[in-house]
């Protein structure tokens, strides 16, 4: 018989009802007592120890025979998720076309003679269908090959290669050293534990165990490198979901969100050293990653046809909200120690996030943003308008809230 570490599964169902009407501009509006979540979840995991095949079998495992590994195994995991409110939930979730079509924007009806409307308070059907198609494709059902990796160990060296999750942090809510894997908040929101929201990355991970070094015990060095083109907005929190923050789910035909996905070769990578002195475990880490919250840069659309040369943003002619994900270096450390008389464990972390993107209200005059370098327009004064915006650290005059503070 082939040795198995185990075939395991995890299944769950979740039902959530919010006791009061949400405050603020949330959309769709859902009354108190309405179901907001009817989620089901299935996870199947298969672990297979193939160490003995390295010396007695054939196939891929035999290729490691020359190494005589101490550890040789692989793990596969399937994850399936479903959300029922979009099929049989309250009307605001299950009949979103009718609910969204009833919305009237705070806009006047502006049209040219014998021409299509330039502005209208009525949402176009194409926009509503696009919203619903995105919502149902990412938030109704998911079936994923979630994890798949190979473990190889020999002496003090351990290597794991494949799709995996790596968590270095010691805290449960404040992710300082735990920003390696992006979080998926689109399917269940913040009610789900972090372990269930982390998105796996295609990663190479290795460690070297030094053991005891003088007064230090259990010392090891660990490093990783992972592809860079997986971010928290893939999949996004689709408009129409109960988990869209604030008013971001309200239909706005004038703005389109466009994620700027990093290149696959712009990797996440880093290393840490972990050791124990007496009863205290210390960690020092440095890594490069992409944070979950982007900075947003707005691109104003070009002009409408010459007979009406005003840039009215509308569906098909939107302001593009470019969601930028810069690679952020993070340096920090942690320490953990027990307090036996109280059966307690103290955990602490500190980190420096260098260049984290922040969103703020832009400074300067928005009129200056219409003046390019060397503009001949009288109100621009050549390049004076551009220089004014540069002094305000805002090259789009109130429409560019993408900044990089030096320390946070």
Protein backbone atom coordinates (compact mmCIF):
# COMPACT_ATOMS: atom_id res chain seq x y z
CA UNK A 1 0.00 0.00 0.00
CA UNK A 2 1.10 3.57 -0.65
CA UNK A 3 1.55 5.56 2.58
CA UNK A 4 -0.90 8.41 2.97
CA UNK A 5 -0.67 11.24 5.45
CA UNK A 6 -4.39 11.62 5.12
CA UNK A 7 -7.42 12.66 3.13
CA UNK A 8 -9.27 15.37 5.03
CA UNK A 9 -12.17 17.68 4.43
CA UNK A 10 -13.84 20.71 5.93
CA UNK A 11 -17.43 21.71 5.24
CA UNK A 12 -19.47 24.56 6.66
CA UNK A 13 -22.55 26.68 6.07
CA UNK A 14 -22.99 30.28 7.20
CA UNK A 15 -26.15 32.30 7.65
CA UNK A 16 -25.98 35.99 8.54
CA UNK A 17 -28.77 38.45 9.29
CA UNK A 18 -28.00 42.08 10.08
CA UNK A 19 -30.14 43.50 12.85
CA UNK A 20 -30.38 47.07 11.60
CA UNK A 21 -30.42 49.00 8.36
CA UNK A 22 -26.88 49.93 7.30
CA UNK A 23 -25.88 53.56 7.66
CA UNK A 24 -24.37 55.60 4.86
CA UNK A 25 -24.65 55.23 1.08
CA UNK A 26 -24.55 51.42 0.93
CA UNK A 27 -26.12 49.86 -2.17
CA UNK A 28 -28.30 47.87 -2.56
CA UNK A 29 -30.20 49.04 0.50
CA UNK A 30 -31.24 46.09 2.66
CA UNK A 31 -33.80 46.34 5.45
CA UNK A 32 -33.15 45.26 9.03
CA UNK A 33 -33.64 41.53 9.46
CA UNK A 34 -32.95 40.68 5.81
CA UNK A 35 -30.51 37.87 5.05
CA UNK A 36 -27.10 39.18 3.97
CA UNK A 37 -25.26 35.87 3.74
CA UNK A 38 -26.18 32.26 3.08
CA UNK A 39 -22.79 30.81 2.31
CA UNK A 40 -21.60 27.23 1.98
CA UNK A 41 -18.04 26.03 1.92
CA UNK A 42 -16.23 22.77 1.09
CA UNK A 43 -12.53 22.04 1.35
CA UNK A 44 -10.91 18.73 0.36
CA UNK A 45 -7.25 18.11 1.12
CA UNK A 46 -5.10 15.20 -0.01
CA UNK A 47 -1.65 14.58 1.55
CA UNK A 48 0.63 11.90 0.11
CA UNK A 49 4.00 10.82 1.56
CA UNK A 50 6.13 9.47 -1.31
CA UNK A 51 9.47 9.23 0.50
CA UNK A 52 9.87 5.47 0.05
CA UNK A 53 9.34 5.77 -3.71
CA UNK A 54 12.59 7.74 -3.89
CA UNK A 55 14.50 4.47 -3.40
CA UNK A 56 12.05 1.66 -4.17
CA UNK A 57 9.61 3.01 -6.76
CA UNK A 58 9.55 4.44 -10.25
CA UNK A 59 8.40 7.72 -11.73
CA UNK A 60 9.01 11.26 -10.58
CA UNK A 61 9.79 10.32 -6.96
CA UNK A 62 12.64 8.09 -8.16
CA UNK A 63 14.43 11.19 -9.46
CA UNK A 64 15.11 12.16 -5.84
CA UNK A 65 16.69 8.80 -4.97
CA UNK A 66 20.23 10.13 -5.18
CA UNK A 67 19.36 12.65 -2.45
CA UNK A 68 17.91 10.10 -0.02
CA UNK A 69 15.58 12.81 1.40
CA UNK A 70 14.30 12.88 4.96
CA UNK A 71 11.02 14.37 3.72
CA UNK A 72 9.32 13.92 0.35
CA UNK A 73 5.58 14.50 0.13
CA UNK A 74 2.99 16.56 -1.68
CA UNK A 75 -0.34 18.12 -0.83
CA UNK A 76 -3.36 19.02 -3.00
CA UNK A 77 -6.39 21.02 -1.94
CA UNK A 78 -9.73 21.84 -3.58
CA UNK A 79 -11.93 24.64 -2.31
CA UNK A 80 -15.53 25.22 -3.32
CA UNK A 81 -17.66 28.14 -2.16
CA UNK A 82 -21.21 29.25 -2.90
CA UNK A 83 -23.46 32.14 -1.94
CA UNK A 84 -27.21 31.67 -2.15
CA UNK A 85 -28.59 35.18 -1.67
CA UNK A 86 -28.10 36.03 -5.35
CA UNK A 87 -30.45 33.19 -6.34
CA UNK A 88 -33.04 32.96 -3.57
CA UNK A 89 -32.29 35.80 -1.14
CA UNK A 90 -34.22 39.03 -0.56
CA UNK A 91 -35.17 40.97 -3.67
CA UNK A 92 -32.35 43.51 -3.32
CA UNK A 93 -29.84 40.67 -3.81
CA UNK A 94 -31.67 38.21 -6.08
CA UNK A 95 -33.27 40.71 -8.53
CA UNK A 96 -30.55 43.29 -8.85
CA UNK A 97 -31.45 44.36 -12.38
CA UNK A 98 -34.83 45.71 -11.28
CA UNK A 99 -33.41 47.28 -8.11
CA UNK A 100 -30.54 48.96 -9.96
CA UNK A 101 -32.70 50.08 -12.89
CA UNK A 102 -34.94 51.97 -10.47
CA UNK A 103 -32.02 54.17 -9.37
CA UNK A 104 -32.09 57.77 -10.56
CA UNK A 105 -28.84 59.69 -10.56
CA UNK A 106 -28.63 63.28 -9.39
CA UNK A 107 -28.06 64.53 -12.94
CA UNK A 108 -30.09 66.68 -15.34
CA UNK A 109 -31.14 65.42 -18.75
CA UNK A 110 -28.84 67.17 -21.26
CA UNK A 111 -29.06 66.42 -24.97
CA UNK A 112 -28.18 68.01 -28.28
CA UNK A 113 -30.88 68.58 -30.89
CA UNK A 114 -31.46 65.33 -32.78
CA UNK A 115 -28.70 63.63 -30.80
CA UNK A 116 -28.28 61.13 -27.97
CA UNK A 117 -28.35 62.36 -24.37
CA UNK A 118 -25.07 63.76 -23.08
CA UNK A 119 -26.25 63.41 -19.49
CA UNK A 120 -29.16 61.39 -18.13
CA UNK A 121 -30.31 60.33 -14.66
CA UNK A 122 -31.27 56.88 -16.01
CA UNK A 123 -28.69 54.10 -15.77
CA UNK A 124 -27.96 52.38 -19.10
CA UNK A 125 -28.92 48.71 -19.35
CA UNK A 126 -25.40 47.79 -20.52
CA UNK A 127 -23.90 49.13 -17.29
CA UNK A 128 -26.35 47.16 -15.15
CA UNK A 129 -25.75 43.93 -17.10
CA UNK A 130 -21.98 44.41 -16.74
CA UNK A 131 -22.31 44.85 -12.97
CA UNK A 132 -24.50 41.77 -12.57
CA UNK A 133 -22.28 39.62 -14.83
CA UNK A 134 -19.21 40.47 -12.72
CA UNK A 135 -21.07 39.86 -9.47
CA UNK A 136 -22.38 36.44 -10.49
CA UNK A 137 -19.06 35.35 -11.98
CA UNK A 138 -17.00 35.99 -8.84
CA UNK A 139 -19.46 35.95 -5.91
CA UNK A 140 -22.05 33.25 -6.63
CA UNK A 141 -19.97 30.08 -6.95
CA UNK A 142 -16.27 29.31 -6.98
CA UNK A 143 -14.48 26.04 -7.60
CA UNK A 144 -10.72 26.31 -7.26
CA UNK A 145 -7.61 24.19 -7.21
CA UNK A 146 -6.56 26.07 -4.11
CA UNK A 147 -3.25 24.60 -2.89
CA UNK A 148 -0.72 22.29 -4.48
CA UNK A 149 2.89 21.98 -3.33
CA UNK A 150 5.82 19.59 -2.93
CA UNK A 151 7.80 19.32 0.33
CA UNK A 152 11.44 18.24 0.17
CA UNK A 153 13.73 18.02 3.19
CA UNK A 154 17.28 16.85 3.78
CA UNK A 155 19.10 17.48 7.04
CA UNK A 156 18.77 21.14 8.07
CA UNK A 157 17.30 22.20 4.71
CA UNK A 158 13.57 22.23 3.92
CA UNK A 159 12.07 23.36 0.61
CA UNK A 160 8.45 23.81 -0.42
CA UNK A 161 7.57 24.65 -4.02
CA UNK A 162 4.13 25.25 -5.52
CA UNK A 163 0.91 27.09 -4.75
CA UNK A 164 0.94 27.83 -1.02
CA UNK A 165 0.26 30.23 1.84
CA UNK A 166 2.96 31.68 4.10
CA UNK A 167 2.15 33.60 7.30
CA UNK A 168 4.90 35.18 9.39
CA UNK A 169 2.80 37.40 11.65
CA UNK A 170 2.20 36.84 15.35
CA UNK A 171 -1.03 38.90 15.56
CA UNK A 172 -4.48 37.99 14.31
CA UNK A 173 -5.84 41.33 13.08
CA UNK A 174 -2.98 43.76 12.47
CA UNK A 175 -1.03 42.43 9.50
CA UNK A 176 2.45 43.89 9.79
CA UNK A 177 4.61 40.85 9.01
CA UNK A 178 1.69 38.94 7.53
CA UNK A 179 1.26 40.82 4.24
CA UNK A 180 2.88 38.13 2.12
CA UNK A 181 -0.32 36.61 0.71
CA UNK A 182 -3.12 38.94 -0.43
CA UNK A 183 -6.51 38.78 1.28
CA UNK A 184 -9.74 37.90 -0.51
CA UNK A 185 -12.55 39.97 1.03
CA UNK A 186 -15.01 39.42 -1.81
CA UNK A 187 -16.66 36.24 -0.51
CA UNK A 188 -17.90 36.67 3.04
CA UNK A 189 -16.11 39.87 3.93
CA UNK A 190 -14.46 40.51 7.26
CA UNK A 191 -16.64 37.94 9.05
CA UNK A 192 -14.30 35.22 7.78
CA UNK A 193 -11.07 34.41 9.64
CA UNK A 194 -7.76 35.44 8.08
CA UNK A 195 -6.78 31.82 7.45
CA UNK A 196 -9.78 31.44 5.16
CA UNK A 197 -9.27 34.74 3.32
CA UNK A 198 -5.62 34.41 2.34
CA UNK A 199 -5.07 33.84 -1.38
CA UNK A 200 -2.36 31.31 -2.26
CA UNK A 201 0.65 32.29 -4.35
CA UNK A 202 2.90 30.31 -6.67
CA UNK A 203 5.96 30.34 -4.45
CA UNK A 204 9.38 28.86 -3.72
CA UNK A 205 10.08 28.72 -0.01
CA UNK A 206 13.13 27.40 1.81
CA UNK A 207 14.58 27.28 5.31
CA UNK A 208 17.86 26.33 6.98
CA UNK A 209 17.83 25.18 10.61
CA UNK A 210 20.93 26.12 12.60
CA UNK A 211 19.69 24.67 15.89
CA UNK A 212 21.48 26.09 18.94
CA UNK A 213 24.01 28.90 18.55
CA UNK A 214 25.50 29.79 21.93
CA UNK A 215 22.62 30.92 24.18
CA UNK A 216 20.21 30.96 21.22
CA UNK A 217 18.01 27.93 20.57
CA UNK A 218 15.89 26.73 17.65
CA UNK A 219 17.46 29.22 15.25
CA UNK A 220 16.52 29.10 11.58
CA UNK A 221 16.65 31.24 8.45
CA UNK A 222 13.67 31.24 6.06
CA UNK A 223 13.22 32.90 2.68
CA UNK A 224 10.65 32.96 -0.11
CA UNK A 225 10.03 34.24 -3.63
CA UNK A 226 6.54 34.39 -5.21
CA UNK A 227 5.05 35.64 -8.47
CA UNK A 228 3.94 39.26 -8.39
CA UNK A 229 0.80 39.32 -10.54
CA UNK A 230 -1.72 38.20 -7.92
CA UNK A 231 -3.37 40.98 -5.93
CA UNK A 232 -6.27 41.38 -3.52
CA UNK A 233 -8.59 42.77 -6.23
CA UNK A 234 -8.41 39.62 -8.35
CA UNK A 235 -11.20 38.67 -7.82
CA UNK A 236 -12.64 42.04 -6.77
CA UNK A 237 -15.39 42.80 -4.29
CA UNK A 238 -18.02 43.15 -7.00
CA UNK A 239 -20.55 46.02 -6.87
CA UNK A 240 -23.85 44.60 -5.65
CA UNK A 241 -22.18 42.46 -2.98
CA UNK A 242 -23.02 43.01 0.71
CA UNK A 243 -19.27 43.37 1.37
CA UNK A 244 -18.55 46.43 -0.79
CA UNK A 245 -17.23 49.16 1.54
CA UNK A 246 -19.21 52.36 1.98
CA UNK A 247 -20.66 53.86 -1.16
CA UNK A 248 -18.36 52.12 -3.64
CA UNK A 249 -21.18 49.82 -4.68
CA UNK A 250 -23.50 52.64 -5.74
CA UNK A 251 -23.81 52.66 -9.55
CA UNK A 252 -21.72 55.44 -11.06
CA UNK A 253 -21.59 55.42 -14.87
CA UNK A 254 -18.97 58.19 -14.85
CA UNK A 255 -16.23 56.14 -13.13
CA UNK A 256 -14.70 52.79 -13.99
CA UNK A 257 -12.31 50.95 -11.68
CA UNK A 258 -9.24 49.61 -13.50
CA UNK A 259 -6.72 47.55 -11.48
CA UNK A 260 -3.10 48.05 -12.53
CA UNK A 261 -1.84 44.48 -12.08
CA UNK A 262 1.91 44.16 -11.43
CA UNK A 263 4.05 42.11 -13.77
CA UNK A 264 4.47 38.44 -12.93
CA UNK A 265 8.24 38.90 -12.81
CA UNK A 266 7.99 41.70 -10.22
CA UNK A 267 8.12 39.13 -7.47
CA UNK A 268 7.22 39.22 -3.81
CA UNK A 269 10.26 38.07 -1.83
CA UNK A 270 11.88 38.25 1.58
CA UNK A 271 13.62 36.51 4.45
CA UNK A 272 13.45 36.24 8.21
CA UNK A 273 15.58 34.95 11.09
CA UNK A 274 13.85 33.30 14.05
CA UNK A 275 15.49 32.34 17.32
CA UNK A 276 14.63 31.68 20.97
CA UNK A 277 16.49 33.09 23.95
CA UNK A 278 15.32 31.67 27.25
CA UNK A 279 11.52 31.78 26.94
CA UNK A 280 11.28 34.54 24.34
CA UNK A 281 11.03 33.87 20.60
CA UNK A 282 12.42 36.68 18.42
CA UNK A 283 11.86 37.31 14.72
CA UNK A 284 13.57 39.81 12.42
CA UNK A 285 12.17 40.02 8.88
CA UNK A 286 12.46 42.01 5.67
CA UNK A 287 10.31 41.42 2.62
CA UNK A 288 8.81 43.03 -0.50
CA UNK A 289 5.10 42.68 -1.15
CA UNK A 290 1.96 44.26 -2.61
CA UNK A 291 -0.51 45.52 -0.03
CA UNK A 292 -4.24 44.89 -0.22
CA UNK A 293 -5.40 48.52 -0.38
CA UNK A 294 -4.25 50.31 -3.55
CA UNK A 295 -3.62 53.95 -4.26
CA UNK A 296 -6.06 55.35 -6.80
CA UNK A 297 -5.12 57.65 -9.68
CA UNK A 298 -7.85 59.17 -11.83
CA UNK A 299 -7.53 59.64 -15.59
CA UNK A 300 -9.98 62.16 -17.03
CA UNK A 301 -11.47 61.08 -20.37
CA UNK A 302 -10.84 63.01 -23.58
CA UNK A 303 -13.29 65.41 -25.11
CA UNK A 304 -16.63 64.56 -26.66
CA UNK A 305 -17.24 65.24 -30.38
CA UNK A 306 -16.14 68.74 -31.51
CA UNK A 307 -19.67 70.14 -31.80
CA UNK A 308 -19.96 69.85 -28.00
CA UNK A 309 -16.37 69.94 -26.71
CA UNK A 310 -17.02 69.23 -23.03
CA UNK A 311 -15.68 66.11 -21.36
CA UNK A 312 -18.90 64.75 -19.82
CA UNK A 313 -17.88 61.49 -18.10
CA UNK A 314 -20.53 58.85 -18.68
CA UNK A 315 -20.90 55.15 -19.44
CA UNK A 316 -18.59 54.30 -22.33
CA UNK A 317 -16.69 57.53 -21.69
CA UNK A 318 -15.72 57.06 -18.03
CA UNK A 319 -13.13 58.54 -15.75
CA UNK A 320 -10.71 55.66 -15.21
CA UNK A 321 -9.86 55.10 -11.56
CA UNK A 322 -6.50 53.34 -11.90
CA UNK A 323 -5.87 51.20 -8.82
CA UNK A 324 -2.10 51.18 -8.37
CA UNK A 325 -0.22 48.51 -6.42
CA UNK A 326 3.39 49.58 -5.81
CA UNK A 327 5.79 47.02 -4.41
CA UNK A 328 6.32 47.95 -0.76
CA UNK A 329 9.38 46.97 1.32
CA UNK A 330 8.53 46.05 4.91
CA UNK A 331 11.07 45.65 7.71
CA UNK A 332 10.09 44.55 11.18
CA UNK A 333 10.28 42.13 14.03
CA UNK A 334 8.25 40.31 16.63
CA UNK A 335 8.67 38.70 20.02
CA UNK A 336 6.54 36.14 21.80
CA UNK A 337 6.75 34.79 25.32
CA UNK A 338 4.50 32.90 27.73
CA UNK A 339 3.32 33.93 31.19
CA UNK A 340 2.80 30.51 32.81
CA UNK A 341 1.05 31.64 36.05
CA UNK A 342 -1.75 33.17 33.96
CA UNK A 343 -1.73 30.61 31.14
CA UNK A 344 -1.21 33.51 28.75
CA UNK A 345 1.00 34.29 25.77
CA UNK A 346 2.19 37.81 24.93
CA UNK A 347 2.68 38.57 21.24
CA UNK A 348 3.98 41.81 19.78
CA UNK A 349 5.05 43.11 16.38
CA UNK A 350 6.58 46.25 14.96
CA UNK A 351 7.18 47.08 11.30
CA UNK A 352 8.19 49.90 8.98
CA UNK A 353 6.14 50.02 5.77
CA UNK A 354 8.22 52.07 3.37
CA UNK A 355 6.17 53.84 0.68
CA UNK A 356 2.72 52.48 1.48
CA UNK A 357 0.14 54.03 -0.91
CA UNK A 358 -2.31 56.36 0.80
CA UNK A 359 -5.44 58.06 -0.50
CA UNK A 360 -6.16 61.66 0.44
CA UNK A 361 -7.97 64.66 -0.94
CA UNK A 362 -5.73 66.23 -3.55
CA UNK A 363 -4.40 69.74 -3.01
CA UNK A 364 -4.08 72.61 -5.42
CA UNK A 365 -6.51 73.97 -7.99
CA UNK A 366 -8.40 71.56 -10.22
CA UNK A 367 -8.32 74.21 -12.97
CA UNK A 368 -4.53 73.84 -13.12
CA UNK A 369 -4.92 70.18 -14.05
CA UNK A 370 -6.17 71.24 -17.51
CA UNK A 371 -2.87 72.90 -18.33
CA UNK A 372 -0.11 70.80 -19.83
CA UNK A 373 3.62 71.62 -19.99
CA UNK A 374 4.15 74.84 -21.95
CA UNK A 375 0.42 75.38 -22.45
CA UNK A 376 -0.52 78.46 -24.50
CA UNK A 377 -3.83 78.98 -22.67
CA UNK A 378 -3.92 82.41 -20.93
CA UNK A 379 -4.95 80.97 -17.57
CA UNK A 380 -2.01 78.55 -17.58
CA UNK A 381 0.87 80.99 -17.84
CA UNK A 382 3.01 78.58 -19.81
CA UNK A 383 4.17 75.91 -17.38
CA UNK A 384 3.29 77.91 -14.25
CA UNK A 385 0.11 75.90 -13.57
CA UNK A 386 2.01 72.62 -13.77
CA UNK A 387 4.69 73.94 -11.42
CA UNK A 388 2.01 74.96 -8.92
CA UNK A 389 0.65 71.41 -8.87
CA UNK A 390 4.12 69.93 -8.53
CA UNK A 391 4.72 72.11 -5.48
CA UNK A 392 1.51 70.69 -4.00
CA UNK A 393 2.75 67.12 -4.69
CA UNK A 394 -0.34 66.66 -6.86
CA UNK A 395 0.05 66.61 -10.64
CA UNK A 396 -3.68 66.35 -11.31
CA UNK A 397 -4.97 69.15 -9.08
CA UNK A 398 -7.35 67.45 -6.69
CA UNK A 399 -7.83 64.32 -8.78
CA UNK A 400 -4.61 62.51 -7.87
CA UNK A 401 -4.68 61.25 -4.27
CA UNK A 402 -1.82 58.78 -4.87
CA UNK A 403 1.08 59.64 -2.57
CA UNK A 404 3.99 57.84 -0.93
CA UNK A 405 4.68 58.96 2.64
CA UNK A 406 8.25 58.35 3.70
CA UNK A 407 7.34 56.75 7.00
CA UNK A 408 4.14 55.18 8.34
